[in-house]
Amino acid sequence: MGAYEAHGEERAERQLRTRLAAIGPSAMLRSLYDGLLAVIEPFVRTADADTLHALYDRHAALIDALDARDRAAALRLVVTPAG
């Protein structure tokens, strides 16, 4: 993959995260989600494949919790350290 393609994918990923944060059902969850994104972004750039898969799974679980309006699950995913 060339540098241009990688840059395009990174931009698309950032836009997706921003849109996902905007659809949260409450201001508190949107704020928590935005905070989580700020914390994980540096790791995504340097992480190995296993770490990225775990991060993806956690991200997907958070999206599911937001979609289900499951406040407890969303908070647990945001506050509990990964691992």
PDB file of N, CA and C in Angstrom:
ATOM      1  N   MET A   1       0.839  -1.168   0.000  1.00  0.00           N
ATOM      2  CA  MET A   1       0.000   0.000   0.000  1.00  0.00           C
ATOM      3  C   MET A   1       0.890   1.240   0.000  1.00  0.00           C
ATOM      4  N   GLY A   2       0.590   2.155  -0.887  1.00  0.00           N
ATOM      5  CA  GLY A   2       1.372   3.372  -0.971  1.00  0.00           C
ATOM      6  C   GLY A   2       1.012   4.363   0.126  1.00  0.00           C
ATOM      7  N   ALA A   3       1.846   5.371   0.269  1.00  0.00           N
ATOM      8  CA  ALA A   3       1.626   6.385   1.300  1.00  0.00           C
ATOM      9  C   ALA A   3       0.301   7.102   1.078  1.00  0.00           C
ATOM     10  N   TYR A   4      -0.055   7.357  -0.183  1.00  0.00           N
ATOM     11  CA  TYR A   4      -1.311   8.051  -0.472  1.00  0.00           C
ATOM     12  C   TYR A   4      -2.496   7.223  -0.003  1.00  0.00           C
ATOM     13  N   GLU A   5      -2.478   5.920  -0.294  1.00  0.00           N
ATOM     14  CA  GLU A   5      -3.574   5.043   0.118  1.00  0.00           C
ATOM     15  C   GLU A   5      -3.669   4.964   1.633  1.00  0.00           C
ATOM     16  N   ALA A   6      -2.540   4.841   2.298  1.00  0.00           N
ATOM     17  CA  ALA A   6      -2.543   4.759   3.756  1.00  0.00           C
ATOM     18  C   ALA A   6      -3.112   6.044   4.353  1.00  0.00           C
ATOM     19  N   HIS A   7      -2.722   7.186   3.786  1.00  0.00           N
ATOM     20  CA  HIS A   7      -3.235   8.462   4.281  1.00  0.00           C
ATOM     21  C   HIS A   7      -4.747   8.544   4.068  1.00  0.00           C
ATOM     22  N   GLY A   8      -5.226   8.094   2.937  1.00  0.00           N
ATOM     23  CA  GLY A   8      -6.661   8.097   2.649  1.00  0.00           C
ATOM     24  C   GLY A   8      -7.434   7.203   3.603  1.00  0.00           C
ATOM     25  N   GLU A   9      -6.895   6.033   3.905  1.00  0.00           N
ATOM     26  CA  GLU A   9      -7.551   5.132   4.843  1.00  0.00           C
ATOM     27  C   GLU A   9      -7.570   5.724   6.244  1.00  0.00           C
ATOM     28  N   GLU A  10      -6.481   6.359   6.641  1.00  0.00           N
ATOM     29  CA  GLU A  10      -6.420   6.977   7.967  1.00  0.00           C
ATOM     30  C   GLU A  10      -7.464   8.090   8.077  1.00  0.00           C
ATOM     31  N   ARG A  11      -7.594   8.892   7.043  1.00  0.00           N
ATOM     32  CA  ARG A  11      -8.572   9.980   7.031  1.00  0.00           C
ATOM     33  C   ARG A  11      -9.993   9.412   7.087  1.00  0.00           C
ATOM     34  N   ALA A  12     -10.255   8.361   6.318  1.00  0.00           N
ATOM     35  CA  ALA A  12     -11.575   7.737   6.325  1.00  0.00           C
ATOM     36  C   ALA A  12     -11.902   7.151   7.705  1.00  0.00           C
ATOM     37  N   GLU A  13     -10.915   6.534   8.335  1.00  0.00           N
ATOM     38  CA  GLU A  13     -11.112   5.975   9.668  1.00  0.00           C
ATOM     39  C   GLU A  13     -11.431   7.076  10.672  1.00  0.00           C
ATOM     40  N   ARG A  14     -10.726   8.185  10.605  1.00  0.00           N
ATOM     41  CA  ARG A  14     -10.965   9.308  11.509  1.00  0.00           C
ATOM     42  C   ARG A  14     -12.374   9.884  11.282  1.00  0.00           C
ATOM     43  N   GLN A  15     -12.790   9.990  10.022  1.00  0.00           N
ATOM     44  CA  GLN A  15     -14.134  10.497   9.720  1.00  0.00           C
ATOM     45  C   GLN A  15     -15.196   9.545  10.258  1.00  0.00           C
ATOM     46  N   LEU A  16     -14.958   8.233  10.113  1.00  0.00           N
ATOM     47  CA  LEU A  16     -15.900   7.254  10.640  1.00  0.00           C
ATOM     48  C   LEU A  16     -16.025   7.393  12.152  1.00  0.00           C
ATOM     49  N   ARG A  17     -14.900   7.495  12.842  1.00  0.00           N
ATOM     50  CA  ARG A  17     -14.933   7.631  14.301  1.00  0.00           C
ATOM     51  C   ARG A  17     -15.680   8.893  14.725  1.00  0.00           C
ATOM     52  N   THR A  18     -15.468   9.983  14.005  1.00  0.00           N
ATOM     53  CA  THR A  18     -16.149  11.235  14.330  1.00  0.00           C
ATOM     54  C   THR A  18     -17.651  11.086  14.152  1.00  0.00           C
ATOM     55  N   ARG A  19     -18.068  10.435  13.088  1.00  0.00           N
ATOM     56  CA  ARG A  19     -19.501  10.229  12.852  1.00  0.00           C
ATOM     57  C   ARG A  19     -20.107   9.295  13.892  1.00  0.00           C
ATOM     58  N   LEU A  20     -19.373   8.247  14.258  1.00  0.00           N
ATOM     59  CA  LEU A  20     -19.875   7.330  15.283  1.00  0.00           C
ATOM     60  C   LEU A  20     -20.047   8.049  16.614  1.00  0.00           C
ATOM     61  N   ALA A  21     -19.117   8.904  16.934  1.00  0.00           N
ATOM     62  CA  ALA A  21     -19.225   9.663  18.183  1.00  0.00           C
ATOM     63  C   ALA A  21     -20.450  10.560  18.157  1.00  0.00           C
ATOM     64  N   ALA A  22     -20.780  11.099  17.007  1.00  0.00           N
ATOM     65  CA  ALA A  22     -21.893  12.036  16.906  1.00  0.00           C
ATOM     66  C   ALA A  22     -23.260  11.368  17.063  1.00  0.00           C
ATOM     67  N   ILE A  23     -23.357  10.055  16.839  1.00  0.00           N
ATOM     68  CA  ILE A  23     -24.668   9.404  16.912  1.00  0.00           C
ATOM     69  C   ILE A  23     -24.992   8.829  18.277  1.00  0.00           C
ATOM     70  N   GLY A  24     -24.108   9.003  19.237  1.00  0.00           N
ATOM     71  CA  GLY A  24     -24.371   8.493  20.585  1.00  0.00           C
ATOM     72  C   GLY A  24     -25.673   9.060  21.143  1.00  0.00           C
ATOM     73  N   PRO A  25     -26.396   8.267  21.940  1.00  0.00           N
ATOM     74  CA  PRO A  25     -27.713   8.684  22.416  1.00  0.00           C
ATOM     75  C   PRO A  25     -27.694   9.747  23.515  1.00  0.00           C
ATOM     76  N   SER A  26     -26.563  10.023  24.094  1.00  0.00           N
ATOM     77  CA  SER A  26     -26.529  11.036  25.151  1.00  0.00           C
ATOM     78  C   SER A  26     -25.218  11.805  25.087  1.00  0.00           C
ATOM     79  N   ALA A  27     -25.261  13.003  25.615  1.00  0.00           N
ATOM     80  CA  ALA A  27     -24.061  13.844  25.611  1.00  0.00           C
ATOM     81  C   ALA A  27     -22.940  13.189  26.404  1.00  0.00           C
ATOM     82  N   MET A  28     -23.279  12.541  27.512  1.00  0.00           N
ATOM     83  CA  MET A  28     -22.252  11.910  28.335  1.00  0.00           C
ATOM     84  C   MET A  28     -21.556  10.781  27.575  1.00  0.00           C
ATOM     85  N   LEU A  29     -22.329   9.928  26.911  1.00  0.00           N
ATOM     86  CA  LEU A  29     -21.716   8.828  26.160  1.00  0.00           C
ATOM     87  C   LEU A  29     -20.910   9.349  24.982  1.00  0.00           C
ATOM     88  N   ARG A  30     -21.405  10.392  24.314  1.00  0.00           N
ATOM     89  CA  ARG A  30     -20.631  10.974  23.206  1.00  0.00           C
ATOM     90  C   ARG A  30     -19.295  11.499  23.722  1.00  0.00           C
ATOM     91  N   SER A  31     -19.325  12.142  24.870  1.00  0.00           N
ATOM     92  CA  SER A  31     -18.103  12.662  25.459  1.00  0.00           C
ATOM     93  C   SER A  31     -17.133  11.540  25.821  1.00  0.00           C
ATOM     94  N   LEU A  32     -17.656  10.481  26.409  1.00  0.00           N
ATOM     95  CA  LEU A  32     -16.811   9.334  26.753  1.00  0.00           C
ATOM     96  C   LEU A  32     -16.211   8.697  25.509  1.00  0.00           C
ATOM     97  N   TYR A  33     -17.014   8.566  24.466  1.00  0.00           N
ATOM     98  CA  TYR A  33     -16.549   7.972  23.225  1.00  0.00           C
ATOM     99  C   TYR A  33     -15.457   8.835  22.599  1.00  0.00           C
ATOM    100  N   ASP A  34     -15.689  10.150  22.565  1.00  0.00           N
ATOM    101  CA  ASP A  34     -14.659  11.060  22.040  1.00  0.00           C
ATOM    102  C   ASP A  34     -13.359  10.903  22.827  1.00  0.00           C
ATOM    103  N   GLY A  35     -13.482  10.797  24.160  1.00  0.00           N
ATOM    104  CA  GLY A  35     -12.300  10.629  25.006  1.00  0.00           C
ATOM    105  C   GLY A  35     -11.573   9.330  24.711  1.00  0.00           C
ATOM    106  N   LEU A  36     -12.336   8.269  24.522  1.00  0.00           N
ATOM    107  CA  LEU A  36     -11.743   6.973  24.197  1.00  0.00           C
ATOM    108  C   LEU A  36     -10.982   7.055  22.880  1.00  0.00           C
ATOM    109  N   LEU A  37     -11.564   7.702  21.901  1.00  0.00           N
ATOM    110  CA  LEU A  37     -10.891   7.835  20.612  1.00  0.00           C
ATOM    111  C   LEU A  37      -9.577   8.600  20.738  1.00  0.00           C
ATOM    112  N   ALA A  38      -9.578   9.634  21.535  1.00  0.00           N
ATOM    113  CA  ALA A  38      -8.351  10.409  21.724  1.00  0.00           C
ATOM    114  C   ALA A  38      -7.256   9.568  22.366  1.00  0.00           C
ATOM    115  N   VAL A  39      -7.656   8.648  23.248  1.00  0.00           N
ATOM    116  CA  VAL A  39      -6.684   7.803  23.941  1.00  0.00           C
ATOM    117  C   VAL A  39      -6.145   6.719  23.021  1.00  0.00           C
ATOM    118  N   ILE A  40      -7.003   6.114  22.201  1.00  0.00           N
ATOM    119  CA  ILE A  40      -6.565   4.954  21.416  1.00  0.00           C
ATOM    120  C   ILE A  40      -5.867   5.315  20.114  1.00  0.00           C
ATOM    121  N   GLU A  41      -6.107   6.497  19.579  1.00  0.00           N
ATOM    122  CA  GLU A  41      -5.543   6.830  18.269  1.00  0.00           C
ATOM    123  C   GLU A  41      -4.023   6.667  18.197  1.00  0.00           C
ATOM    124  N   PRO A  42      -3.251   7.120  19.184  1.00  0.00           N
ATOM    125  CA  PRO A  42      -1.796   6.921  19.093  1.00  0.00           C
ATOM    126  C   PRO A  42      -1.386   5.439  19.058  1.00  0.00           C
ATOM    127  N   PHE A  43      -2.135   4.598  19.742  1.00  0.00           N
ATOM    128  CA  PHE A  43      -1.815   3.169  19.763  1.00  0.00           C
ATOM    129  C   PHE A  43      -2.113   2.500  18.435  1.00  0.00           C
ATOM    130  N   VAL A  44      -3.163   2.936  17.773  1.00  0.00           N
ATOM    131  CA  VAL A  44      -3.553   2.339  16.495  1.00  0.00           C
ATOM    132  C   VAL A  44      -2.439   2.483  15.472  1.00  0.00           C
ATOM    133  N   ARG A  45      -1.747   3.589  15.508  1.00  0.00           N
ATOM    134  CA  ARG A  45      -0.688   3.848  14.519  1.00  0.00           C
ATOM    135  C   ARG A  45       0.521   2.936  14.689  1.00  0.00           C
ATOM    136  N   THR A  46       0.751   2.411  15.903  1.00  0.00           N
ATOM    137  CA  THR A  46       1.973   1.639  16.159  1.00  0.00           C
ATOM    138  C   THR A  46       1.710   0.210  16.642  1.00  0.00           C
ATOM    139  N   ALA A  47       0.467  -0.192  16.771  1.00  0.00           N
ATOM    140  CA  ALA A  47       0.132  -1.481  17.375  1.00  0.00           C
ATOM    141  C   ALA A  47       0.373  -2.654  16.421  1.00  0.00           C
ATOM    142  N   ASP A  48       0.617  -3.841  17.015  1.00  0.00           N
ATOM    143  CA  ASP A  48       0.748  -5.060  16.218  1.00  0.00           C
ATOM    144  C   ASP A  48      -0.647  -5.599  15.887  1.00  0.00           C
ATOM    145  N   ALA A  49      -0.709  -6.632  15.055  1.00  0.00           N
ATOM    146  CA  ALA A  49      -1.983  -7.157  14.562  1.00  0.00           C
ATOM    147  C   ALA A  49      -2.884  -7.661  15.696  1.00  0.00           C
ATOM    148  N   ASP A  50      -2.349  -8.378  16.676  1.00  0.00           N
ATOM    149  CA  ASP A  50      -3.173  -8.889  17.769  1.00  0.00           C
ATOM    150  C   ASP A  50      -3.791  -7.749  18.577  1.00  0.00           C
ATOM    151  N   THR A  51      -3.014  -6.737  18.823  1.00  0.00           N
ATOM    152  CA  THR A  51      -3.514  -5.585  19.566  1.00  0.00           C
ATOM    153  C   THR A  51      -4.597  -4.872  18.775  1.00  0.00           C
ATOM    154  N   LEU A  52      -4.399  -4.736  17.474  1.00  0.00           N
ATOM    155  CA  LEU A  52      -5.409  -4.085  16.644  1.00  0.00           C
ATOM    156  C   LEU A  52      -6.705  -4.888  16.611  1.00  0.00           C
ATOM    157  N   HIS A  53      -6.596  -6.211  16.570  1.00  0.00           N
ATOM    158  CA  HIS A  53      -7.805  -7.043  16.589  1.00  0.00           C
ATOM    159  C   HIS A  53      -8.555  -6.866  17.904  1.00  0.00           C
ATOM    160  N   ALA A  54      -7.844  -6.850  19.014  1.00  0.00           N
ATOM    161  CA  ALA A  54      -8.476  -6.645  20.322  1.00  0.00           C
ATOM    162  C   ALA A  54      -9.112  -5.254  20.389  1.00  0.00           C
ATOM    163  N   LEU A  55      -8.434  -4.264  19.849  1.00  0.00           N
ATOM    164  CA  LEU A  55      -8.962  -2.909  19.831  1.00  0.00           C
ATOM    165  C   LEU A  55     -10.230  -2.839  18.973  1.00  0.00           C
ATOM    166  N   TYR A  56     -10.190  -3.506  17.837  1.00  0.00           N
ATOM    167  CA  TYR A  56     -11.359  -3.551  16.962  1.00  0.00           C
ATOM    168  C   TYR A  56     -12.546  -4.188  17.694  1.00  0.00           C
ATOM    169  N   ASP A  57     -12.308  -5.311  18.361  1.00  0.00           N
ATOM    170  CA  ASP A  57     -13.382  -5.989  19.090  1.00  0.00           C
ATOM    171  C   ASP A  57     -13.981  -5.088  20.158  1.00  0.00           C
ATOM    172  N   ARG A  58     -13.127  -4.378  20.871  1.00  0.00           N
ATOM    173  CA  ARG A  58     -13.607  -3.461  21.914  1.00  0.00           C
ATOM    174  C   ARG A  58     -14.392  -2.303  21.295  1.00  0.00           C
ATOM    175  N   HIS A  59     -13.888  -1.787  20.204  1.00  0.00           N
ATOM    176  CA  HIS A  59     -14.552  -0.703  19.489  1.00  0.00           C
ATOM    177  C   HIS A  59     -15.934  -1.164  19.015  1.00  0.00           C
ATOM    178  N   ALA A  60     -16.004  -2.353  18.436  1.00  0.00           N
ATOM    179  CA  ALA A  60     -17.279  -2.894  17.962  1.00  0.00           C
ATOM    180  C   ALA A  60     -18.258  -3.087  19.120  1.00  0.00           C
ATOM    181  N   ALA A  61     -17.755  -3.570  20.249  1.00  0.00           N
ATOM    182  CA  ALA A  61     -18.616  -3.750  21.421  1.00  0.00           C
ATOM    183  C   ALA A  61     -19.144  -2.410  21.919  1.00  0.00           C
ATOM    184  N   LEU A  62     -18.329  -1.375  21.863  1.00  0.00           N
ATOM    185  CA  LEU A  62     -18.772  -0.051  22.289  1.00  0.00           C
ATOM    186  C   LEU A  62     -19.848   0.482  21.342  1.00  0.00           C
ATOM    187  N   ILE A  63     -19.662   0.289  20.065  1.00  0.00           N
ATOM    188  CA  ILE A  63     -20.674   0.715  19.092  1.00  0.00           C
ATOM    189  C   ILE A  63     -21.978  -0.030  19.349  1.00  0.00           C
ATOM    190  N   ASP A  64     -21.891  -1.329  19.594  1.00  0.00           N
ATOM    191  CA  ASP A  64     -23.100  -2.108  19.899  1.00  0.00           C
ATOM    192  C   ASP A  64     -23.798  -1.591  21.147  1.00  0.00           C
ATOM    193  N   ALA A  65     -23.026  -1.268  22.174  1.00  0.00           N
ATOM    194  CA  ALA A  65     -23.602  -0.745  23.416  1.00  0.00           C
ATOM    195  C   ALA A  65     -24.278   0.600  23.172  1.00  0.00           C
ATOM    196  N   LEU A  66     -23.631   1.469  22.399  1.00  0.00           N
ATOM    197  CA  LEU A  66     -24.244   2.758  22.080  1.00  0.00           C
ATOM    198  C   LEU A  66     -25.518   2.566  21.271  1.00  0.00           C
ATOM    199  N   ASP A  67     -25.468   1.671  20.310  1.00  0.00           N
ATOM    200  CA  ASP A  67     -26.636   1.404  19.476  1.00  0.00           C
ATOM    201  C   ASP A  67     -27.798   0.862  20.304  1.00  0.00           C
ATOM    202  N   ALA A  68     -27.495   0.010  21.282  1.00  0.00           N
ATOM    203  CA  ALA A  68     -28.524  -0.576  22.140  1.00  0.00           C
ATOM    204  C   ALA A  68     -28.925   0.358  23.283  1.00  0.00           C
ATOM    205  N   ARG A  69     -28.247   1.504  23.362  1.00  0.00           N
ATOM    206  CA  ARG A  69     -28.490   2.456  24.455  1.00  0.00           C
ATOM    207  C   ARG A  69     -28.261   1.792  25.815  1.00  0.00           C
ATOM    208  N   ASP A  70     -27.251   0.918  25.823  1.00  0.00           N
ATOM    209  CA  ASP A  70     -26.875   0.203  27.053  1.00  0.00           C
ATOM    210  C   ASP A  70     -25.795   1.008  27.759  1.00  0.00           C
ATOM    211  N   ARG A  71     -26.231   1.916  28.605  1.00  0.00           N
ATOM    212  CA  ARG A  71     -25.318   2.841  29.282  1.00  0.00           C
ATOM    213  C   ARG A  71     -24.281   2.095  30.117  1.00  0.00           C
ATOM    214  N   ALA A  72     -24.711   1.095  30.867  1.00  0.00           N
ATOM    215  CA  ALA A  72     -23.794   0.361  31.739  1.00  0.00           C
ATOM    216  C   ALA A  72     -22.683  -0.320  30.930  1.00  0.00           C
ATOM    217  N   ALA A  73     -23.063  -0.967  29.835  1.00  0.00           N
ATOM    218  CA  ALA A  73     -22.057  -1.643  29.005  1.00  0.00           C
ATOM    219  C   ALA A  73     -21.094  -0.646  28.372  1.00  0.00           C
ATOM    220  N   ALA A  74     -21.616   0.475  27.882  1.00  0.00           N
ATOM    221  CA  ALA A  74     -20.762   1.488  27.269  1.00  0.00           C
ATOM    222  C   ALA A  74     -19.778   2.056  28.291  1.00  0.00           C
ATOM    223  N   LEU A  75     -20.270   2.366  29.464  1.00  0.00           N
ATOM    224  CA  LEU A  75     -19.389   2.904  30.506  1.00  0.00           C
ATOM    225  C   LEU A  75     -18.333   1.881  30.912  1.00  0.00           C
ATOM    226  N   ARG A  76     -18.728   0.630  31.022  1.00  0.00           N
ATOM    227  CA  ARG A  76     -17.787  -0.422  31.395  1.00  0.00           C
ATOM    228  C   ARG A  76     -16.675  -0.543  30.341  1.00  0.00           C
ATOM    229  N   LEU A  77     -17.022  -0.450  29.089  1.00  0.00           N
ATOM    230  CA  LEU A  77     -16.028  -0.548  28.015  1.00  0.00           C
ATOM    231  C   LEU A  77     -15.092   0.650  28.004  1.00  0.00           C
ATOM    232  N   VAL A  78     -15.598   1.800  28.348  1.00  0.00           N
ATOM    233  CA  VAL A  78     -14.779   3.014  28.319  1.00  0.00           C
ATOM    234  C   VAL A  78     -13.877   3.103  29.537  1.00  0.00           C
ATOM    235  N   VAL A  79     -14.390   2.688  30.703  1.00  0.00           N
ATOM    236  CA  VAL A  79     -13.661   2.892  31.957  1.00  0.00           C
ATOM    237  C   VAL A  79     -12.720   1.741  32.280  1.00  0.00           C
ATOM    238  N   THR A  80     -13.072   0.539  31.900  1.00  0.00           N
ATOM    239  CA  THR A  80     -12.264  -0.640  32.231  1.00  0.00           C
ATOM    240  C   THR A  80     -11.060  -0.730  31.305  1.00  0.00           C
ATOM    241  N   PRO A  81      -9.860  -0.865  31.855  1.00  0.00           N
ATOM    242  CA  PRO A  81      -8.676  -0.996  30.992  1.00  0.00           C
ATOM    243  C   PRO A  81      -8.767  -2.248  30.119  1.00  0.00           C
ATOM    244  N   ALA A  82      -8.295  -2.133  28.909  1.00  0.00           N
ATOM    245  CA  ALA A  82      -8.265  -3.281  28.000  1.00  0.00           C
ATOM    246  C   ALA A  82      -7.231  -4.280  28.479  1.00  0.00           C
ATOM    247  N   GLY A  83      -7.489  -5.542  28.145  1.00  0.00           N
ATOM    248  CA  GLY A  83      -6.476  -6.535  28.483  1.00  0.00           C
ATOM    249  C   GLY A  83      -6.938  -7.670  29.222  1.00  0.00           C
TER     250      GLY A  83
END
